[in-house]
Amino acid sequence: MNTTLDESLLRRIDAYAAEHLEDRSTAVRQLVDFALREHAKREALKGYEQGRLTLRELARSLRLDTWQAQDLLLSEGVAVAQGSTSETAGAVEAVGVVLRAER
């Protein structure tokens, strides 16, 4: 595979390679791999925020367990709980009813 890179980008790649004691080819592979993983993470987070993915689906798509996915959401400032306020209020009220009945 061949590709053309402008001088500015090539200098940045070479600086990365030198900093990490790698050759240019290895540096390019590492950077492309990182960029693709970051892109997948951003797309999965967007899918979760838009309600297209559940927490479990988000975790599976990023090869994380559910707790790691929840930690990722928190670190990215994404609300972990999904659903409308009325749904959440209804669920909290249902739990309250059960707890009051157990007294």
PDB file of N, CA and C in Angstrom:
ATOM      1  N   MET A   1       0.841  -1.170   0.000  1.00  0.00           N
ATOM      2  CA  MET A   1       0.000   0.000   0.000  1.00  0.00           C
ATOM      3  C   MET A   1       0.890   1.239   0.000  1.00  0.00           C
ATOM      4  N   ASN A   2       0.519   2.183  -0.798  1.00  0.00           N
ATOM      5  CA  ASN A   2       1.231   3.453  -0.839  1.00  0.00           C
ATOM      6  C   ASN A   2       0.267   4.580  -0.533  1.00  0.00           C
ATOM      7  N   THR A   3       0.776   5.606   0.069  1.00  0.00           N
ATOM      8  CA  THR A   3      -0.034   6.786   0.344  1.00  0.00           C
ATOM      9  C   THR A   3       0.858   8.011   0.283  1.00  0.00           C
ATOM     10  N   THR A   4       0.254   9.140   0.040  1.00  0.00           N
ATOM     11  CA  THR A   4       1.000  10.385  -0.013  1.00  0.00           C
ATOM     12  C   THR A   4       0.619  11.229   1.194  1.00  0.00           C
ATOM     13  N   LEU A   5       1.615  11.735   1.884  1.00  0.00           N
ATOM     14  CA  LEU A   5       1.381  12.571   3.066  1.00  0.00           C
ATOM     15  C   LEU A   5       2.042  13.920   2.854  1.00  0.00           C
ATOM     16  N   ASP A   6       1.375  14.980   3.309  1.00  0.00           N
ATOM     17  CA  ASP A   6       2.010  16.292   3.173  1.00  0.00           C
ATOM     18  C   ASP A   6       3.159  16.404   4.173  1.00  0.00           C
ATOM     19  N   GLU A   7       4.049  17.331   3.929  1.00  0.00           N
ATOM     20  CA  GLU A   7       5.263  17.486   4.733  1.00  0.00           C
ATOM     21  C   GLU A   7       4.966  17.721   6.212  1.00  0.00           C
ATOM     22  N   SER A   8       3.963  18.516   6.497  1.00  0.00           N
ATOM     23  CA  SER A   8       3.620  18.820   7.885  1.00  0.00           C
ATOM     24  C   SER A   8       3.211  17.548   8.641  1.00  0.00           C
ATOM     25  N   LEU A   9       2.359  16.746   8.025  1.00  0.00           N
ATOM     26  CA  LEU A   9       1.923  15.498   8.653  1.00  0.00           C
ATOM     27  C   LEU A   9       3.086  14.530   8.784  1.00  0.00           C
ATOM     28  N   LEU A  10       3.913  14.462   7.777  1.00  0.00           N
ATOM     29  CA  LEU A  10       5.075  13.579   7.819  1.00  0.00           C
ATOM     30  C   LEU A  10       6.028  13.971   8.945  1.00  0.00           C
ATOM     31  N   ARG A  11       6.229  15.255   9.156  1.00  0.00           N
ATOM     32  CA  ARG A  11       7.077  15.709  10.272  1.00  0.00           C
ATOM     33  C   ARG A  11       6.469  15.312  11.615  1.00  0.00           C
ATOM     34  N   ARG A  12       5.141  15.429  11.724  1.00  0.00           N
ATOM     35  CA  ARG A  12       4.478  15.043  12.979  1.00  0.00           C
ATOM     36  C   ARG A  12       4.605  13.538  13.219  1.00  0.00           C
ATOM     37  N   ILE A  13       4.466  12.752  12.174  1.00  0.00           N
ATOM     38  CA  ILE A  13       4.626  11.294  12.297  1.00  0.00           C
ATOM     39  C   ILE A  13       6.058  10.960  12.700  1.00  0.00           C
ATOM     40  N   ASP A  14       7.007  11.599  12.061  1.00  0.00           N
ATOM     41  CA  ASP A  14       8.410  11.348  12.395  1.00  0.00           C
ATOM     42  C   ASP A  14       8.725  11.753  13.832  1.00  0.00           C
ATOM     43  N   ALA A  15       8.145  12.848  14.297  1.00  0.00           N
ATOM     44  CA  ALA A  15       8.348  13.265  15.687  1.00  0.00           C
ATOM     45  C   ALA A  15       7.762  12.238  16.651  1.00  0.00           C
ATOM     46  N   TYR A  16       6.573  11.722  16.320  1.00  0.00           N
ATOM     47  CA  TYR A  16       5.959  10.670  17.135  1.00  0.00           C
ATOM     48  C   TYR A  16       6.856   9.437  17.153  1.00  0.00           C
ATOM     49  N   ALA A  17       7.336   9.045  15.978  1.00  0.00           N
ATOM     50  CA  ALA A  17       8.201   7.862  15.873  1.00  0.00           C
ATOM     51  C   ALA A  17       9.456   8.039  16.717  1.00  0.00           C
ATOM     52  N   ALA A  18      10.080   9.192  16.631  1.00  0.00           N
ATOM     53  CA  ALA A  18      11.302   9.443  17.402  1.00  0.00           C
ATOM     54  C   ALA A  18      11.015   9.418  18.898  1.00  0.00           C
ATOM     55  N   GLU A  19       9.916  10.030  19.292  1.00  0.00           N
ATOM     56  CA  GLU A  19       9.546  10.075  20.716  1.00  0.00           C
ATOM     57  C   GLU A  19       9.293   8.681  21.276  1.00  0.00           C
ATOM     58  N   HIS A  20       8.742   7.797  20.438  1.00  0.00           N
ATOM     59  CA  HIS A  20       8.402   6.438  20.888  1.00  0.00           C
ATOM     60  C   HIS A  20       9.436   5.392  20.454  1.00  0.00           C
ATOM     61  N   LEU A  21      10.563   5.866  19.937  1.00  0.00           N
ATOM     62  CA  LEU A  21      11.651   4.980  19.515  1.00  0.00           C
ATOM     63  C   LEU A  21      11.173   3.919  18.528  1.00  0.00           C
ATOM     64  N   GLU A  22      10.401   4.350  17.549  1.00  0.00           N
ATOM     65  CA  GLU A  22       9.865   3.457  16.521  1.00  0.00           C
ATOM     66  C   GLU A  22      10.307   3.946  15.153  1.00  0.00           C
ATOM     67  N   ASP A  23      10.243   3.053  14.169  1.00  0.00           N
ATOM     68  CA  ASP A  23      10.478   3.497  12.797  1.00  0.00           C
ATOM     69  C   ASP A  23       9.174   4.099  12.257  1.00  0.00           C
ATOM     70  N   ARG A  24       9.260   4.771  11.141  1.00  0.00           N
ATOM     71  CA  ARG A  24       8.103   5.468  10.583  1.00  0.00           C
ATOM     72  C   ARG A  24       6.938   4.517  10.303  1.00  0.00           C
ATOM     73  N   SER A  25       7.207   3.342   9.724  1.00  0.00           N
ATOM     74  CA  SER A  25       6.129   2.398   9.394  1.00  0.00           C
ATOM     75  C   SER A  25       5.384   1.938  10.636  1.00  0.00           C
ATOM     76  N   THR A  26       6.125   1.623  11.680  1.00  0.00           N
ATOM     77  CA  THR A  26       5.496   1.194  12.933  1.00  0.00           C
ATOM     78  C   THR A  26       4.676   2.332  13.516  1.00  0.00           C
ATOM     79  N   ALA A  27       5.221   3.540  13.476  1.00  0.00           N
ATOM     80  CA  ALA A  27       4.496   4.701  13.991  1.00  0.00           C
ATOM     81  C   ALA A  27       3.185   4.898  13.236  1.00  0.00           C
ATOM     82  N   VAL A  28       3.223   4.779  11.922  1.00  0.00           N
ATOM     83  CA  VAL A  28       1.999   4.941  11.120  1.00  0.00           C
ATOM     84  C   VAL A  28       0.982   3.873  11.498  1.00  0.00           C
ATOM     85  N   ARG A  29       1.422   2.615  11.623  1.00  0.00           N
ATOM     86  CA  ARG A  29       0.499   1.536  12.029  1.00  0.00           C
ATOM     87  C   ARG A  29      -0.119   1.831  13.388  1.00  0.00           C
ATOM     88  N   GLN A  30       0.699   2.259  14.351  1.00  0.00           N
ATOM     89  CA  GLN A  30       0.184   2.561  15.691  1.00  0.00           C
ATOM     90  C   GLN A  30      -0.830   3.705  15.652  1.00  0.00           C
ATOM     91  N   LEU A  31      -0.509   4.735  14.909  1.00  0.00           N
ATOM     92  CA  LEU A  31      -1.399   5.894  14.841  1.00  0.00           C
ATOM     93  C   LEU A  31      -2.708   5.575  14.123  1.00  0.00           C
ATOM     94  N   VAL A  32      -2.639   4.794  13.059  1.00  0.00           N
ATOM     95  CA  VAL A  32      -3.852   4.408  12.345  1.00  0.00           C
ATOM     96  C   VAL A  32      -4.714   3.520  13.243  1.00  0.00           C
ATOM     97  N   ASP A  33      -4.095   2.562  13.936  1.00  0.00           N
ATOM     98  CA  ASP A  33      -4.829   1.690  14.844  1.00  0.00           C
ATOM     99  C   ASP A  33      -5.522   2.511  15.929  1.00  0.00           C
ATOM    100  N   PHE A  34      -4.796   3.441  16.520  1.00  0.00           N
ATOM    101  CA  PHE A  34      -5.376   4.292  17.565  1.00  0.00           C
ATOM    102  C   PHE A  34      -6.540   5.107  17.006  1.00  0.00           C
ATOM    103  N   ALA A  35      -6.350   5.704  15.838  1.00  0.00           N
ATOM    104  CA  ALA A  35      -7.401   6.536  15.240  1.00  0.00           C
ATOM    105  C   ALA A  35      -8.653   5.716  14.957  1.00  0.00           C
ATOM    106  N   LEU A  36      -8.486   4.500  14.463  1.00  0.00           N
ATOM    107  CA  LEU A  36      -9.648   3.656  14.174  1.00  0.00           C
ATOM    108  C   LEU A  36     -10.375   3.236  15.451  1.00  0.00           C
ATOM    109  N   ARG A  37      -9.617   2.894  16.496  1.00  0.00           N
ATOM    110  CA  ARG A  37     -10.257   2.542  17.770  1.00  0.00           C
ATOM    111  C   ARG A  37     -10.987   3.752  18.359  1.00  0.00           C
ATOM    112  N   GLU A  38     -10.377   4.919  18.282  1.00  0.00           N
ATOM    113  CA  GLU A  38     -11.005   6.144  18.797  1.00  0.00           C
ATOM    114  C   GLU A  38     -12.266   6.473  17.999  1.00  0.00           C
ATOM    115  N   HIS A  39     -12.201   6.287  16.698  1.00  0.00           N
ATOM    116  CA  HIS A  39     -13.377   6.530  15.854  1.00  0.00           C
ATOM    117  C   HIS A  39     -14.516   5.582  16.239  1.00  0.00           C
ATOM    118  N   ALA A  40     -14.189   4.307  16.422  1.00  0.00           N
ATOM    119  CA  ALA A  40     -15.207   3.323  16.823  1.00  0.00           C
ATOM    120  C   ALA A  40     -15.819   3.703  18.170  1.00  0.00           C
ATOM    121  N   LYS A  41     -14.974   4.172  19.094  1.00  0.00           N
ATOM    122  CA  LYS A  41     -15.471   4.582  20.407  1.00  0.00           C
ATOM    123  C   LYS A  41     -16.417   5.767  20.278  1.00  0.00           C
ATOM    124  N   ARG A  42     -16.035   6.769  19.493  1.00  0.00           N
ATOM    125  CA  ARG A  42     -16.887   7.955  19.298  1.00  0.00           C
ATOM    126  C   ARG A  42     -18.216   7.578  18.670  1.00  0.00           C
ATOM    127  N   GLU A  43     -18.174   6.690  17.664  1.00  0.00           N
ATOM    128  CA  GLU A  43     -19.413   6.267  17.006  1.00  0.00           C
ATOM    129  C   GLU A  43     -20.310   5.491  17.972  1.00  0.00           C
ATOM    130  N   ALA A  44     -19.717   4.620  18.786  1.00  0.00           N
ATOM    131  CA  ALA A  44     -20.498   3.849  19.761  1.00  0.00           C
ATOM    132  C   ALA A  44     -21.113   4.777  20.809  1.00  0.00           C
ATOM    133  N   LEU A  45     -20.344   5.752  21.280  1.00  0.00           N
ATOM    134  CA  LEU A  45     -20.878   6.704  22.257  1.00  0.00           C
ATOM    135  C   LEU A  45     -22.028   7.498  21.659  1.00  0.00           C
ATOM    136  N   LYS A  46     -21.880   7.903  20.410  1.00  0.00           N
ATOM    137  CA  LYS A  46     -22.947   8.645  19.751  1.00  0.00           C
ATOM    138  C   LYS A  46     -24.192   7.767  19.622  1.00  0.00           C
ATOM    139  N   GLY A  47     -23.993   6.502  19.265  1.00  0.00           N
ATOM    140  CA  GLY A  47     -25.117   5.579  19.164  1.00  0.00           C
ATOM    141  C   GLY A  47     -25.832   5.402  20.488  1.00  0.00           C
ATOM    142  N   TYR A  48     -25.061   5.343  21.569  1.00  0.00           N
ATOM    143  CA  TYR A  48     -25.659   5.213  22.897  1.00  0.00           C
ATOM    144  C   TYR A  48     -26.433   6.475  23.258  1.00  0.00           C
ATOM    145  N   GLU A  49     -25.822   7.630  23.036  1.00  0.00           N
ATOM    146  CA  GLU A  49     -26.484   8.902  23.360  1.00  0.00           C
ATOM    147  C   GLU A  49     -27.778   9.084  22.574  1.00  0.00           C
ATOM    148  N   GLN A  50     -27.804   8.602  21.347  1.00  0.00           N
ATOM    149  CA  GLN A  50     -28.988   8.736  20.501  1.00  0.00           C
ATOM    150  C   GLN A  50     -30.010   7.634  20.737  1.00  0.00           C
ATOM    151  N   GLY A  51     -29.683   6.711  21.648  1.00  0.00           N
ATOM    152  CA  GLY A  51     -30.620   5.650  21.979  1.00  0.00           C
ATOM    153  C   GLY A  51     -30.629   4.497  20.984  1.00  0.00           C
ATOM    154  N   ARG A  52     -29.655   4.444  20.079  1.00  0.00           N
ATOM    155  CA  ARG A  52     -29.576   3.350  19.115  1.00  0.00           C
ATOM    156  C   ARG A  52     -28.884   2.130  19.694  1.00  0.00           C
ATOM    157  N   LEU A  53     -28.102   2.311  20.772  1.00  0.00           N
ATOM    158  CA  LEU A  53     -27.397   1.217  21.429  1.00  0.00           C
ATOM    159  C   LEU A  53     -27.752   1.189  22.907  1.00  0.00           C
ATOM    160  N   THR A  54     -27.917  -0.002  23.435  1.00  0.00           N
ATOM    161  CA  THR A  54     -28.075  -0.150  24.880  1.00  0.00           C
ATOM    162  C   THR A  54     -26.684  -0.159  25.511  1.00  0.00           C
ATOM    163  N   LEU A  55     -26.645  -0.092  26.822  1.00  0.00           N
ATOM    164  CA  LEU A  55     -25.369  -0.165  27.523  1.00  0.00           C
ATOM    165  C   LEU A  55     -24.663  -1.473  27.189  1.00  0.00           C
ATOM    166  N   ARG A  56     -25.402  -2.555  27.169  1.00  0.00           N
ATOM    167  CA  ARG A  56     -24.819  -3.866  26.851  1.00  0.00           C
ATOM    168  C   ARG A  56     -24.271  -3.900  25.425  1.00  0.00           C
ATOM    169  N   GLU A  57     -25.006  -3.322  24.477  1.00  0.00           N
ATOM    170  CA  GLU A  57     -24.541  -3.277  23.087  1.00  0.00           C
ATOM    171  C   GLU A  57     -23.302  -2.389  22.945  1.00  0.00           C
ATOM    172  N   LEU A  58     -23.305  -1.279  23.661  1.00  0.00           N
ATOM    173  CA  LEU A  58     -22.133  -0.400  23.663  1.00  0.00           C
ATOM    174  C   LEU A  58     -20.918  -1.168  24.161  1.00  0.00           C
ATOM    175  N   ALA A  59     -21.081  -1.848  25.279  1.00  0.00           N
ATOM    176  CA  ALA A  59     -19.975  -2.621  25.855  1.00  0.00           C
ATOM    177  C   ALA A  59     -19.482  -3.676  24.869  1.00  0.00           C
ATOM    178  N   ARG A  60     -20.395  -4.416  24.287  1.00  0.00           N
ATOM    179  CA  ARG A  60     -20.012  -5.480  23.354  1.00  0.00           C
ATOM    180  C   ARG A  60     -19.277  -4.905  22.143  1.00  0.00           C
ATOM    181  N   SER A  61     -19.748  -3.782  21.621  1.00  0.00           N
ATOM    182  CA  SER A  61     -19.126  -3.209  20.425  1.00  0.00           C
ATOM    183  C   SER A  61     -17.706  -2.732  20.693  1.00  0.00           C
ATOM    184  N   LEU A  62     -17.419  -2.356  21.929  1.00  0.00           N
ATOM    185  CA  LEU A  62     -16.085  -1.876  22.285  1.00  0.00           C
ATOM    186  C   LEU A  62     -15.256  -2.936  23.013  1.00  0.00           C
ATOM    187  N   ARG A  63     -15.807  -4.152  23.105  1.00  0.00           N
ATOM    188  CA  ARG A  63     -15.133  -5.263  23.791  1.00  0.00           C
ATOM    189  C   ARG A  63     -14.808  -4.922  25.239  1.00  0.00           C
ATOM    190  N   LEU A  64     -15.825  -4.362  25.914  1.00  0.00           N
ATOM    191  CA  LEU A  64     -15.720  -4.016  27.333  1.00  0.00           C
ATOM    192  C   LEU A  64     -16.776  -4.808  28.092  1.00  0.00           C
ATOM    193  N   ASP A  65     -16.577  -4.946  29.401  1.00  0.00           N
ATOM    194  CA  ASP A  65     -17.685  -5.476  30.192  1.00  0.00           C
ATOM    195  C   ASP A  65     -18.604  -4.298  30.530  1.00  0.00           C
ATOM    196  N   THR A  66     -19.757  -4.596  31.099  1.00  0.00           N
ATOM    197  CA  THR A  66     -20.751  -3.552  31.359  1.00  0.00           C
ATOM    198  C   THR A  66     -20.221  -2.480  32.297  1.00  0.00           C
ATOM    199  N   TRP A  67     -19.454  -2.883  33.310  1.00  0.00           N
ATOM    200  CA  TRP A  67     -18.911  -1.899  34.252  1.00  0.00           C
ATOM    201  C   TRP A  67     -17.891  -0.995  33.584  1.00  0.00           C
ATOM    202  N   GLN A  68     -17.064  -1.552  32.722  1.00  0.00           N
ATOM    203  CA  GLN A  68     -16.088  -0.727  31.995  1.00  0.00           C
ATOM    204  C   GLN A  68     -16.799   0.247  31.057  1.00  0.00           C
ATOM    205  N   ALA A  69     -17.877  -0.215  30.421  1.00  0.00           N
ATOM    206  CA  ALA A  69     -18.645   0.665  29.538  1.00  0.00           C
ATOM    207  C   ALA A  69     -19.275   1.802  30.338  1.00  0.00           C
ATOM    208  N   GLN A  70     -19.784   1.477  31.513  1.00  0.00           N
ATOM    209  CA  GLN A  70     -20.373   2.505  32.374  1.00  0.00           C
ATOM    210  C   GLN A  70     -19.300   3.506  32.806  1.00  0.00           C
ATOM    211  N   ASP A  71     -18.117   3.021  33.161  1.00  0.00           N
ATOM    212  CA  ASP A  71     -17.009   3.913  33.516  1.00  0.00           C
ATOM    213  C   ASP A  71     -16.620   4.803  32.341  1.00  0.00           C
ATOM    214  N   LEU A  72     -16.618   4.239  31.132  1.00  0.00           N
ATOM    215  CA  LEU A  72     -16.312   5.026  29.939  1.00  0.00           C
ATOM    216  C   LEU A  72     -17.332   6.142  29.762  1.00  0.00           C
ATOM    217  N   LEU A  73     -18.607   5.807  29.898  1.00  0.00           N
ATOM    218  CA  LEU A  73     -19.649   6.825  29.764  1.00  0.00           C
ATOM    219  C   LEU A  73     -19.444   7.949  30.776  1.00  0.00           C
ATOM    220  N   LEU A  74     -19.159   7.566  32.008  1.00  0.00           N
ATOM    221  CA  LEU A  74     -18.943   8.585  33.045  1.00  0.00           C
ATOM    222  C   LEU A  74     -17.735   9.458  32.716  1.00  0.00           C
ATOM    223  N   SER A  75     -16.655   8.838  32.260  1.00  0.00           N
ATOM    224  CA  SER A  75     -15.439   9.603  31.951  1.00  0.00           C
ATOM    225  C   SER A  75     -15.642  10.523  30.745  1.00  0.00           C
ATOM    226  N   GLU A  76     -16.564  10.155  29.858  1.00  0.00           N
ATOM    227  CA  GLU A  76     -16.836  10.967  28.670  1.00  0.00           C
ATOM    228  C   GLU A  76     -17.960  11.972  28.916  1.00  0.00           C
ATOM    229  N   GLY A  77     -18.522  11.967  30.138  1.00  0.00           N
ATOM    230  CA  GLY A  77     -19.588  12.914  30.459  1.00  0.00           C
ATOM    231  C   GLY A  77     -20.925  12.566  29.813  1.00  0.00           C
ATOM    232  N   VAL A  78     -21.124  11.291  29.523  1.00  0.00           N
ATOM    233  CA  VAL A  78     -22.376  10.833  28.917  1.00  0.00           C
ATOM    234  C   VAL A  78     -23.251  10.255  30.015  1.00  0.00           C
ATOM    235  N   ALA A  79     -24.499  10.681  30.052  1.00  0.00           N
ATOM    236  CA  ALA A  79     -25.427  10.177  31.054  1.00  0.00           C
ATOM    237  C   ALA A  79     -25.581   8.672  30.906  1.00  0.00           C
ATOM    238  N   VAL A  80     -25.432   7.955  32.014  1.00  0.00           N
ATOM    239  CA  VAL A  80     -25.512   6.494  31.973  1.00  0.00           C
ATOM    240  C   VAL A  80     -26.954   6.045  31.870  1.00  0.00           C
ATOM    241  N   ALA A  81     -27.834   6.667  32.614  1.00  0.00           N
ATOM    242  CA  ALA A  81     -29.243   6.285  32.584  1.00  0.00           C
ATOM    243  C   ALA A  81     -29.865   6.810  31.297  1.00  0.00           C
ATOM    244  N   GLN A  82     -30.616   5.966  30.644  1.00  0.00           N
ATOM    245  CA  GLN A  82     -31.314   6.370  29.430  1.00  0.00           C
ATOM    246  C   GLN A  82     -32.805   6.333  29.705  1.00  0.00           C
ATOM    247  N   GLY A  83     -33.541   7.021  28.926  1.00  0.00           N
ATOM    248  CA  GLY A  83     -34.990   7.053  29.096  1.00  0.00           C
ATOM    249  C   GLY A  83     -35.418   8.433  29.532  1.00  0.00           C
ATOM    250  N   SER A  84     -36.697   8.655  29.438  1.00  0.00           N
ATOM    251  CA  SER A  84     -37.236   9.972  29.779  1.00  0.00           C
ATOM    252  C   SER A  84     -37.320  10.140  31.291  1.00  0.00           C
ATOM    253  N   THR A  85     -37.466  11.369  31.704  1.00  0.00           N
ATOM    254  CA  THR A  85     -37.624  11.675  33.126  1.00  0.00           C
ATOM    255  C   THR A  85     -38.862  10.994  33.686  1.00  0.00           C
ATOM    256  N   SER A  86     -39.940  10.962  32.905  1.00  0.00           N
ATOM    257  CA  SER A  86     -41.171  10.325  33.389  1.00  0.00           C
ATOM    258  C   SER A  86     -40.981   8.819  33.570  1.00  0.00           C
ATOM    259  N   GLU A  87     -40.207   8.182  32.680  1.00  0.00           N
ATOM    260  CA  GLU A  87     -39.930   6.752  32.841  1.00  0.00           C
ATOM    261  C   GLU A  87     -39.142   6.499  34.116  1.00  0.00           C
ATOM    262  N   THR A  88     -38.133   7.331  34.347  1.00  0.00           N
ATOM    263  CA  THR A  88     -37.313   7.184  35.550  1.00  0.00           C
ATOM    264  C   THR A  88     -38.156   7.438  36.793  1.00  0.00           C
ATOM    265  N   ALA A  89     -38.957   8.478  36.760  1.00  0.00           N
ATOM    266  CA  ALA A  89     -39.820   8.783  37.911  1.00  0.00           C
ATOM    267  C   ALA A  89     -40.781   7.634  38.179  1.00  0.00           C
ATOM    268  N   GLY A  90     -41.323   7.055  37.116  1.00  0.00           N
ATOM    269  CA  GLY A  90     -42.227   5.915  37.269  1.00  0.00           C
ATOM    270  C   GLY A  90     -41.531   4.718  37.894  1.00  0.00           C
ATOM    271  N   ALA A  91     -40.296   4.455  37.465  1.00  0.00           N
ATOM    272  CA  ALA A  91     -39.542   3.331  38.016  1.00  0.00           C
ATOM    273  C   ALA A  91     -39.219   3.569  39.484  1.00  0.00           C
ATOM    274  N   VAL A  92     -38.845   4.788  39.834  1.00  0.00           N
ATOM    275  CA  VAL A  92     -38.540   5.117  41.232  1.00  0.00           C
ATOM    276  C   VAL A  92     -39.800   4.983  42.082  1.00  0.00           C
ATOM    277  N   GLU A  93     -40.908   5.431  41.576  1.00  0.00           N
ATOM    278  CA  GLU A  93     -42.172   5.309  42.314  1.00  0.00           C
ATOM    279  C   GLU A  93     -42.541   3.847  42.511  1.00  0.00           C
ATOM    280  N   ALA A  94     -42.345   3.017  41.502  1.00  0.00           N
ATOM    281  CA  ALA A  94     -42.659   1.584  41.625  1.00  0.00           C
ATOM    282  C   ALA A  94     -41.800   0.932  42.701  1.00  0.00           C
ATOM    283  N   VAL A  95     -40.538   1.300  42.766  1.00  0.00           N
ATOM    284  CA  VAL A  95     -39.651   0.766  43.805  1.00  0.00           C
ATOM    285  C   VAL A  95     -40.130   1.240  45.169  1.00  0.00           C
ATOM    286  N   GLY A  96     -40.529   2.499  45.258  1.00  0.00           N
ATOM    287  CA  GLY A  96     -41.051   3.032  46.528  1.00  0.00           C
ATOM    288  C   GLY A  96     -42.280   2.293  46.995  1.00  0.00           C
ATOM    289  N   VAL A  97     -43.162   1.963  46.070  1.00  0.00           N
ATOM    290  CA  VAL A  97     -44.385   1.213  46.411  1.00  0.00           C
ATOM    291  C   VAL A  97     -44.015  -0.154  47.004  1.00  0.00           C
ATOM    292  N   VAL A  98     -43.073  -0.821  46.381  1.00  0.00           N
ATOM    293  CA  VAL A  98     -42.648  -2.144  46.859  1.00  0.00           C
ATOM    294  C   VAL A  98     -42.026  -2.005  48.241  1.00  0.00           C
ATOM    295  N   LEU A  99     -41.154  -1.023  48.420  1.00  0.00           N
ATOM    296  CA  LEU A  99     -40.494  -0.852  49.722  1.00  0.00           C
ATOM    297  C   LEU A  99     -41.491  -0.512  50.820  1.00  0.00           C
ATOM    298  N   ARG A 100     -42.468   0.341  50.510  1.00  0.00           N
ATOM    299  CA  ARG A 100     -43.483   0.695  51.520  1.00  0.00           C
ATOM    300  C   ARG A 100     -44.344  -0.513  51.872  1.00  0.00           C
ATOM    301  N   ALA A 101     -44.620  -1.360  50.889  1.00  0.00           N
ATOM    302  CA  ALA A 101     -45.445  -2.537  51.126  1.00  0.00           C
ATOM    303  C   ALA A 101     -44.716  -3.554  52.016  1.00  0.00           C
ATOM    304  N   GLU A 102     -43.371  -3.552  51.951  1.00  0.00           N
ATOM    305  CA  GLU A 102     -42.603  -4.495  52.748  1.00  0.00           C
ATOM    306  C   GLU A 102     -42.498  -4.086  54.206  1.00  0.00           C
ATOM    307  N   ARG A 103     -42.845  -2.872  54.535  1.00  0.00           N
ATOM    308  CA  ARG A 103     -42.742  -2.405  55.920  1.00  0.00           C
ATOM    309  C   ARG A 103     -43.763  -2.976  56.783  1.00  0.00           C
TER     310      ARG A 103
END
